[in-house]
Protein backbone atom coordinates (compact mmCIF):
# COMPACT_ATOMS: atom_id res chain seq x y z
CA UNK A 1 0.00 0.00 0.00
CA UNK A 2 1.12 3.55 -0.74
CA UNK A 3 1.44 5.12 2.70
CA UNK A 4 1.35 8.68 1.32
CA UNK A 5 -2.13 8.17 -0.18
CA UNK A 6 -3.47 6.64 3.02
CA UNK A 7 -1.97 9.35 5.25
CA UNK A 8 -3.27 12.08 2.94
CA UNK A 9 -6.84 10.76 3.02
CA UNK A 10 -6.85 10.19 6.78
CA UNK A 11 -5.28 13.57 7.53
CA UNK A 12 -7.63 15.35 5.15
CA UNK A 13 -10.70 13.72 6.68
CA UNK A 14 -9.41 14.51 10.17
CA UNK A 15 -9.05 18.20 9.32
CA UNK A 16 -12.52 18.30 7.77
CA UNK A 17 -14.00 16.58 10.83
CA UNK A 18 -12.16 19.02 13.08
CA UNK A 19 -13.50 21.96 11.11
CA UNK A 20 -17.06 20.64 11.30
CA UNK A 21 -16.93 19.97 15.03
CA UNK A 22 -18.52 22.12 17.67
CA UNK A 23 -16.00 24.26 19.65
CA UNK A 24 -14.46 22.28 22.49
CA UNK A 25 -15.68 18.93 21.12
CA UNK A 26 -14.93 16.56 18.27
CA UNK A 27 -18.56 15.90 17.42
CA UNK A 28 -19.86 17.33 14.11
CA UNK A 29 -23.50 18.50 14.14
CA UNK A 30 -26.07 16.19 12.60
CA UNK A 31 -26.64 18.84 9.92
CA UNK A 32 -23.52 17.65 8.08
CA UNK A 33 -24.94 14.14 7.66
CA UNK A 34 -27.60 14.01 4.97
CA UNK A 35 -28.08 10.74 3.11
CA UNK A 36 -30.28 12.29 0.43
CA UNK A 37 -27.66 14.95 -0.28
CA UNK A 38 -24.91 12.34 -0.46
CA UNK A 39 -27.05 10.22 -2.77
CA UNK A 40 -27.57 13.17 -5.11
CA UNK A 41 -23.82 13.89 -5.32
CA UNK A 42 -22.52 10.32 -5.56
CA UNK A 43 -25.42 9.02 -7.64
CA UNK A 44 -25.35 12.00 -9.98
CA UNK A 45 -21.58 11.78 -10.43
CA UNK A 46 -21.74 8.07 -11.19
CA UNK A 47 -24.68 8.52 -13.56
CA UNK A 48 -22.91 11.30 -15.47
CA UNK A 49 -19.81 9.11 -15.72
CA UNK A 50 -21.90 6.29 -17.21
CA UNK A 51 -23.39 8.71 -19.74
CA UNK A 52 -19.94 9.98 -20.73
CA UNK A 53 -18.04 6.67 -20.93
CA UNK A 54 -18.73 3.07 -22.03
CA UNK A 55 -19.63 0.66 -19.25
CA UNK A 56 -16.39 -1.33 -19.63
CA UNK A 57 -14.35 1.87 -19.08
CA UNK A 58 -16.28 2.70 -15.91
CA UNK A 59 -15.81 -0.85 -14.58
CA UNK A 60 -12.12 -0.68 -15.50
CA UNK A 61 -11.91 2.60 -13.59
CA UNK A 62 -12.53 0.75 -10.32
CA UNK A 63 -9.58 -1.54 -11.03
CA UNK A 64 -7.37 1.35 -12.09
CA UNK A 65 -8.21 3.29 -8.92
CA UNK A 66 -6.46 0.61 -6.84
CA UNK A 67 -3.15 1.69 -8.42
CA UNK A 68 -3.42 4.96 -6.48
CA UNK A 69 -3.11 2.93 -3.28
CA UNK A 70 -0.31 0.64 -4.48
CA UNK A 71 3.42 1.19 -4.07
CA UNK A 72 3.87 2.05 -7.73
CA UNK A 73 5.49 0.08 -10.52
CA UNK A 74 8.35 -1.21 -8.37
CA UNK A 75 10.66 -0.16 -11.21
CA UNK A 76 14.33 -0.04 -10.17
CA UNK A 77 16.16 1.93 -12.85
CA UNK A 78 19.64 0.68 -12.04
CA UNK A 79 18.56 -2.95 -11.92
CA UNK A 80 17.02 -2.62 -15.38
CA UNK A 81 20.10 -0.84 -16.75
CA UNK A 82 22.36 -3.60 -15.39
CA UNK A 83 20.02 -6.24 -16.83
CA UNK A 84 20.06 -4.57 -20.25
CA UNK A 85 23.87 -4.33 -20.11
CA UNK A 86 24.03 -8.11 -19.54
CA UNK A 87 21.75 -8.76 -22.51
CA UNK A 88 23.88 -6.44 -24.63
CA UNK A 89 27.02 -8.32 -23.66
CA UNK A 90 25.39 -11.64 -24.52
CA UNK A 91 24.10 -10.35 -27.86
CA UNK A 92 27.55 -9.06 -28.85
CA UNK A 93 29.26 -12.35 -27.98
CA UNK A 94 26.67 -14.88 -29.15
CA UNK A 95 24.41 -12.87 -31.43
CA UNK A 96 20.87 -11.55 -30.99
CA UNK A 97 19.19 -14.97 -31.49
CA UNK A 98 20.90 -16.19 -28.30
CA UNK A 99 18.58 -13.92 -26.30
CA UNK A 100 15.67 -16.23 -27.15
CA UNK A 101 16.75 -18.53 -24.34
CA UNK A 102 16.18 -15.88 -21.66
CA UNK A 103 12.87 -14.41 -22.90
CA UNK A 104 10.65 -16.67 -20.78
CA UNK A 105 12.44 -15.60 -17.61
CA UNK A 106 11.82 -11.87 -18.13
CA UNK A 107 9.01 -10.49 -15.95
CA UNK A 108 8.59 -7.09 -17.64
CA UNK A 109 6.22 -7.58 -20.58
CA UNK A 110 7.50 -4.57 -22.52
CA UNK A 111 11.13 -5.72 -22.20
CA UNK A 112 10.25 -9.29 -23.13
CA UNK A 113 8.21 -8.23 -26.16
CA UNK A 114 10.81 -5.66 -27.25
CA UNK A 115 13.68 -8.14 -27.17
CA UNK A 116 11.60 -10.69 -29.04
CA UNK A 117 10.94 -8.19 -31.80
CA UNK A 118 14.59 -7.08 -31.78
CA UNK A 119 15.55 -10.67 -32.57
CA UNK A 120 13.07 -10.94 -35.44
CA UNK A 121 13.21 -7.44 -36.93
CA UNK A 122 16.19 -6.36 -39.01
CA UNK A 123 15.12 -2.78 -39.71
CA UNK A 124 15.93 -0.56 -36.65
CA UNK A 125 13.38 2.04 -37.75
CA UNK A 126 10.55 -0.52 -37.80
CA UNK A 127 11.63 -1.80 -34.40
CA UNK A 128 11.61 1.73 -32.98
CA UNK A 129 8.16 2.39 -34.46
CA UNK A 130 6.86 -0.82 -32.88
CA UNK A 131 8.24 0.09 -29.46
CA UNK A 132 6.84 3.63 -29.74
CA UNK A 133 3.40 2.32 -30.71
CA UNK A 134 3.30 -0.04 -27.73
CA UNK A 135 4.39 2.74 -25.40
CA UNK A 136 1.86 5.22 -26.80
CA UNK A 137 -0.94 2.64 -26.49
CA UNK A 138 -0.11 2.19 -22.80
CA UNK A 139 -0.06 5.96 -22.28
CA UNK A 140 -3.49 6.25 -23.93
CA UNK A 141 -4.92 3.52 -21.68
CA UNK A 142 -3.57 5.23 -18.59
CA UNK A 143 -4.86 8.62 -19.77
CA UNK A 144 -8.40 7.23 -20.05
CA UNK A 145 -8.41 6.23 -16.38
CA UNK A 146 -7.01 9.59 -15.30
CA UNK A 147 -9.55 11.45 -17.43
CA UNK A 148 -12.48 9.64 -15.82
CA UNK A 149 -11.40 10.69 -12.33
CA UNK A 150 -10.70 14.27 -13.42
CA UNK A 151 -14.19 14.46 -14.92
CA UNK A 152 -15.73 12.96 -11.78
CA UNK A 153 -13.94 15.73 -9.91
CA UNK A 154 -15.83 18.26 -12.05
CA UNK A 155 -19.18 16.44 -11.86
CA UNK A 156 -19.27 16.17 -8.05
CA UNK A 157 -19.32 19.94 -7.24
CA UNK A 158 -21.87 20.47 -10.03
CA UNK A 159 -24.24 17.91 -8.53
CA UNK A 160 -23.55 19.35 -5.09
CA UNK A 161 -24.72 22.73 -6.40
CA UNK A 162 -27.72 21.05 -8.02
CA UNK A 163 -28.68 19.51 -4.67
CA UNK A 164 -28.34 22.90 -3.00
CA UNK A 165 -30.58 24.55 -5.59
CA UNK A 166 -33.15 21.76 -5.17
CA UNK A 167 -33.06 22.20 -1.39
CA UNK A 168 -33.48 25.97 -1.63
CA UNK A 169 -36.41 25.64 -4.05
CA UNK A 170 -38.18 23.19 -1.74
CA UNK A 171 -37.44 25.31 1.31
CA UNK A 172 -38.70 28.54 -0.26
CA UNK A 173 -41.88 27.02 -1.64
CA UNK A 174 -42.73 25.35 1.66
CA UNK A 175 -42.00 28.56 3.54
CA UNK A 176 -44.24 30.53 1.19
CA UNK A 177 -47.03 27.99 1.49
CA UNK A 178 -47.03 28.00 5.29
CA UNK A 179 -46.49 31.72 5.87
CA UNK A 180 -49.26 34.30 6.13
CA UNK A 181 -49.25 37.98 6.98
CA UNK A 182 -50.50 37.29 10.50
CA UNK A 183 -48.05 34.44 11.16
CA UNK A 184 -45.19 36.55 9.84
CA UNK A 185 -46.09 39.38 12.16
CA UNK A 186 -46.32 37.12 15.19
CA UNK A 187 -43.58 34.61 14.46
CA UNK A 188 -40.99 36.34 12.30
CA UNK A 189 -38.15 35.11 14.47
CA UNK A 190 -39.25 31.47 14.31
CA UNK A 191 -39.76 31.76 10.57
CA UNK A 192 -36.28 33.17 10.03
CA UNK A 193 -34.77 30.46 12.23
CA UNK A 194 -36.47 27.75 10.20
CA UNK A 195 -35.35 29.44 6.99
CA UNK A 196 -31.71 29.54 8.05
CA UNK A 197 -31.84 25.94 9.24
CA UNK A 198 -33.24 24.81 5.91
CA UNK A 199 -30.62 26.81 4.03
CA UNK A 200 -27.88 25.09 6.03
CA UNK A 201 -29.26 21.66 5.14
CA UNK A 202 -29.49 22.66 1.47
CA UNK A 203 -25.82 23.71 1.40
CA UNK A 204 -24.67 20.31 2.66
CA UNK A 205 -24.80 18.85 -0.86
CA UNK A 206 -22.36 21.50 -2.09
CA UNK A 207 -20.12 20.55 0.83
CA UNK A 208 -20.24 16.88 -0.24
CA UNK A 209 -19.46 17.73 -3.85
CA UNK A 210 -16.47 19.92 -3.03
CA UNK A 211 -15.14 17.42 -0.49
CA UNK A 212 -15.35 14.40 -2.80
CA UNK A 213 -13.89 16.30 -5.76
CA UNK A 214 -10.91 17.78 -3.93
CA UNK A 215 -10.07 15.02 -1.47
CA UNK A 216 -10.85 11.93 -3.54
CA UNK A 217 -11.48 12.18 -7.29
CA UNK A 218 -8.96 14.82 -8.40
CA UNK A 219 -6.15 13.60 -6.07
CA UNK A 220 -6.62 10.02 -7.30
CA UNK A 221 -6.40 11.26 -10.90
CA UNK A 222 -3.19 13.10 -9.99
CA UNK A 223 -1.69 10.04 -8.29
CA UNK A 224 -2.53 7.88 -11.31
CA UNK A 225 -0.77 10.39 -13.56
CA UNK A 226 2.30 10.31 -11.31
CA UNK A 227 2.31 6.51 -11.45
CA UNK A 228 1.93 6.56 -15.23
CA UNK A 229 4.73 9.11 -15.71
CA UNK A 230 7.08 6.99 -13.60
CA UNK A 231 6.24 3.85 -15.59
CA UNK A 232 6.66 5.64 -18.92
CA UNK A 233 10.07 6.92 -17.78
CA UNK A 234 11.11 3.37 -16.94
CA UNK A 235 9.87 1.99 -20.25
CA UNK A 236 11.77 4.71 -22.11
CA UNK A 237 14.94 3.33 -20.50
CA UNK A 238 14.00 -0.13 -21.74
CA UNK A 239 13.24 1.17 -25.23
CA UNK A 240 16.60 2.93 -25.47
CA UNK A 241 18.35 -0.21 -24.22
CA UNK A 242 16.61 -2.49 -26.72
CA UNK A 243 17.50 -0.18 -29.61
CA UNK A 244 21.12 -0.13 -28.45
CA UNK A 245 21.21 -3.92 -28.24
CA UNK A 246 19.67 -4.18 -31.69
CA UNK A 247 22.30 -1.82 -33.15
CA UNK A 248 25.07 -3.84 -31.39
CA UNK A 249 26.43 -0.92 -29.39
CA UNK A 250 29.15 -1.68 -26.90
CA UNK A 251 27.64 -2.42 -23.44
CA UNK A 252 29.68 0.37 -21.82
CA UNK A 253 28.45 2.92 -24.35
CA UNK A 254 24.89 1.70 -23.90
CA UNK A 255 25.21 1.88 -20.13
CA UNK A 256 26.42 5.48 -20.27
CA UNK A 257 23.53 6.36 -22.54
CA UNK A 258 20.99 4.79 -20.20
CA UNK A 259 22.48 6.50 -17.14
CA UNK A 260 21.29 9.83 -18.56
CA UNK A 261 17.75 8.72 -17.61
CA UNK A 262 18.52 8.57 -13.87
CA UNK A 263 19.17 11.40 -11.41
CA UNK A 264 22.62 12.84 -10.84
CA UNK A 265 23.30 11.15 -7.50
CA UNK A 266 22.28 7.69 -8.75
CA UNK A 267 24.40 8.19 -11.87
CA UNK A 268 27.41 9.17 -9.76
CA UNK A 269 27.01 6.18 -7.44
CA UNK A 270 26.65 3.80 -10.40
CA UNK A 271 29.84 5.09 -12.01
CA UNK A 272 31.75 4.85 -8.75
CA UNK A 273 30.61 1.24 -8.35
CA UNK A 274 32.02 0.28 -11.76
CA UNK A 275 35.36 2.06 -11.30
């Protein structure tokens, strides 16, 4: 589990709870808990998402959302660079076809598929196009999941506002139906108190919409984008390594090229380790 995501959600909810609580206590008023308002926001957001996207994309969204709570891709840049350097050394000594024997033992699908095509494809340009197409397809798939959550982050406040408008309309019409000139003159204070109470209840749906959008939907979309960017960066290392292996570059030259993908400190440590 990604501890940062969990801590962020818990800390955010704690601060919201603290802000809702009565002074000197940690007990929010019952006004903040409205099942009908929550149903309008969550139900409306989910319904709008179903209207906007195919059902399979919405179902897939639930699976994708779990990545926001995972520890990421587990991609160790230096391990992959060392692994690619070994494959390069083997390809230079025994030829590219010798890499067929190690394909089944490779866990990374992109690396496995790229090496397999490097063995079969003679044209480096076609190989590069293939690797780029696979990478772009993955980016598009990831972008779809991020887009759904970003859109849900825009739907939720809109349905929260819709619930508020509905509540205000009902409150005003009921107030007008029950008020008369005589009752207003004799009970203006009670009428105003009831009006303010009803307005507070109506605003709860806007509260739900803003809370869900800014603490759940949009942050999850952002975390998914961060995960995707990290994975794309790792796969770009693999792509560069495969192209170097295919062009029969010297392993040391390839290693130096791949080290440009990592940060300065990691690069320095890696060079010191090989000296």
